[in-house]
Protein backbone atom coordinates (compact mmCIF):
# COMPACT_ATOMS: atom_id res chain seq x y z
CA MET A 1 54.08 45.84 -163.61
CA SER A 2 55.74 48.30 -165.97
CA ALA A 3 57.27 47.27 -169.28
CA PHE A 4 60.74 48.07 -167.96
CA HIS A 5 60.34 45.70 -165.01
CA VAL A 6 59.13 42.92 -167.31
CA LEU A 7 62.08 43.53 -169.61
CA LYS A 8 64.49 43.51 -166.66
CA SER A 9 63.12 40.24 -165.29
CA ILE A 10 63.37 38.57 -168.71
CA LEU A 11 66.99 39.63 -169.09
CA GLN A 12 67.85 38.50 -165.56
CA PHE A 13 66.32 35.09 -166.26
CA TRP A 14 68.22 34.77 -169.55
CA ALA A 15 71.49 35.88 -167.93
CA GLU A 16 71.14 33.34 -165.12
CA ASP A 17 70.18 30.65 -167.62
CA SER A 18 72.97 31.52 -170.05
CA VAL A 19 75.68 29.73 -168.05
CA GLY A 20 76.30 26.63 -170.13
CA ASP A 21 73.31 27.24 -172.43
CA ASP A 22 74.22 28.49 -175.90
CA VAL A 23 70.67 29.51 -176.82
CA ALA A 24 70.20 31.65 -173.70
CA TRP A 25 73.64 33.19 -174.22
CA SER A 26 72.73 34.06 -177.81
CA LEU A 27 69.50 35.69 -176.62
CA VAL A 28 71.36 37.85 -174.12
CA MET A 29 74.05 38.84 -176.64
CA ASN A 30 71.60 39.77 -179.40
CA PHE A 31 68.93 41.34 -177.23
CA HIS A 32 70.09 44.94 -177.67
CA ARG A 33 70.06 44.72 -181.47
CA TRP A 34 66.59 43.16 -181.46
CA PHE A 35 65.28 45.60 -178.86
CA ARG A 36 66.45 48.70 -180.80
CA SER A 37 65.14 47.55 -184.18
CA SER A 38 62.05 49.52 -185.22
CA SER A 39 60.79 46.42 -187.07
CA SER A 40 60.75 44.43 -183.81
CA LEU A 41 57.37 43.74 -182.26
CA LEU A 42 58.84 44.78 -178.91
CA TYR A 43 59.97 48.19 -180.17
CA ASP A 44 58.81 51.07 -177.98
CA PRO A 45 60.54 54.45 -178.47
CA SER A 46 60.06 55.58 -174.87
CA LEU A 47 61.33 52.30 -173.43
CA ASN A 48 64.24 52.42 -175.85
CA ALA A 49 65.11 55.96 -174.68
CA MET A 50 64.94 54.86 -171.04
CA VAL A 51 67.25 51.90 -171.62
CA HIS A 52 69.67 54.09 -173.57
CA SER A 53 69.72 56.61 -170.72
CA LEU A 54 70.51 53.85 -168.22
CA MET A 55 73.27 52.58 -170.49
CA GLN A 56 74.82 56.05 -170.60
CA LYS A 57 74.74 56.30 -166.80
CA LEU A 58 76.34 52.87 -166.42
CA PHE A 59 79.00 53.71 -169.01
CA SER A 60 79.77 56.95 -167.19
CA LEU A 61 80.16 55.03 -163.91
CA LEU A 62 82.53 52.58 -165.62
CA LEU A 63 84.68 55.43 -166.95
CA THR A 64 84.71 57.08 -163.52
CA ASP A 65 85.81 53.85 -161.86
CA LEU A 66 88.56 53.39 -164.43
CA ALA A 67 89.77 56.95 -163.79
CA THR A 68 89.93 56.34 -160.04
CA ILE A 69 92.42 53.51 -160.55
CA ASN A 70 94.65 55.80 -162.65
CA THR A 71 93.87 54.23 -166.00
CA THR A 72 94.33 56.49 -169.01
CA ILE A 73 91.31 56.33 -171.29
CA VAL A 74 92.45 56.83 -174.89
CA PHE A 75 89.03 56.35 -176.50
CA ALA A 76 85.64 55.41 -175.11
CA SER A 77 82.32 54.69 -176.79
CA PHE A 78 79.58 52.11 -176.41
CA HIS A 79 81.29 50.04 -179.10
CA ARG A 80 84.93 50.36 -178.14
CA LEU A 81 87.04 51.15 -175.11
CA ILE A 82 90.78 51.75 -175.53
CA LEU A 83 92.90 52.06 -172.39
CA CYS A 84 96.55 52.89 -171.88
CA THR A 85 98.07 50.65 -169.23
């Protein structure tokens, strides 16, 4: 099993478990920061690049879907999304 599939299954388990569980919710919310930190024991540059690429694709799909419903996108980044409604 590849590292990505292990990572995906861990996150799916945490996400399912996070409903009503503050610890699991905290793990899901802080995972990206921990995963990207070069001081983390889990840090792997190639895995990090793969996850970032998938995030860009998903973000692009989100922006495309917003455009199809005639939403004006004022500003869009991974950190902030400003829409004109």
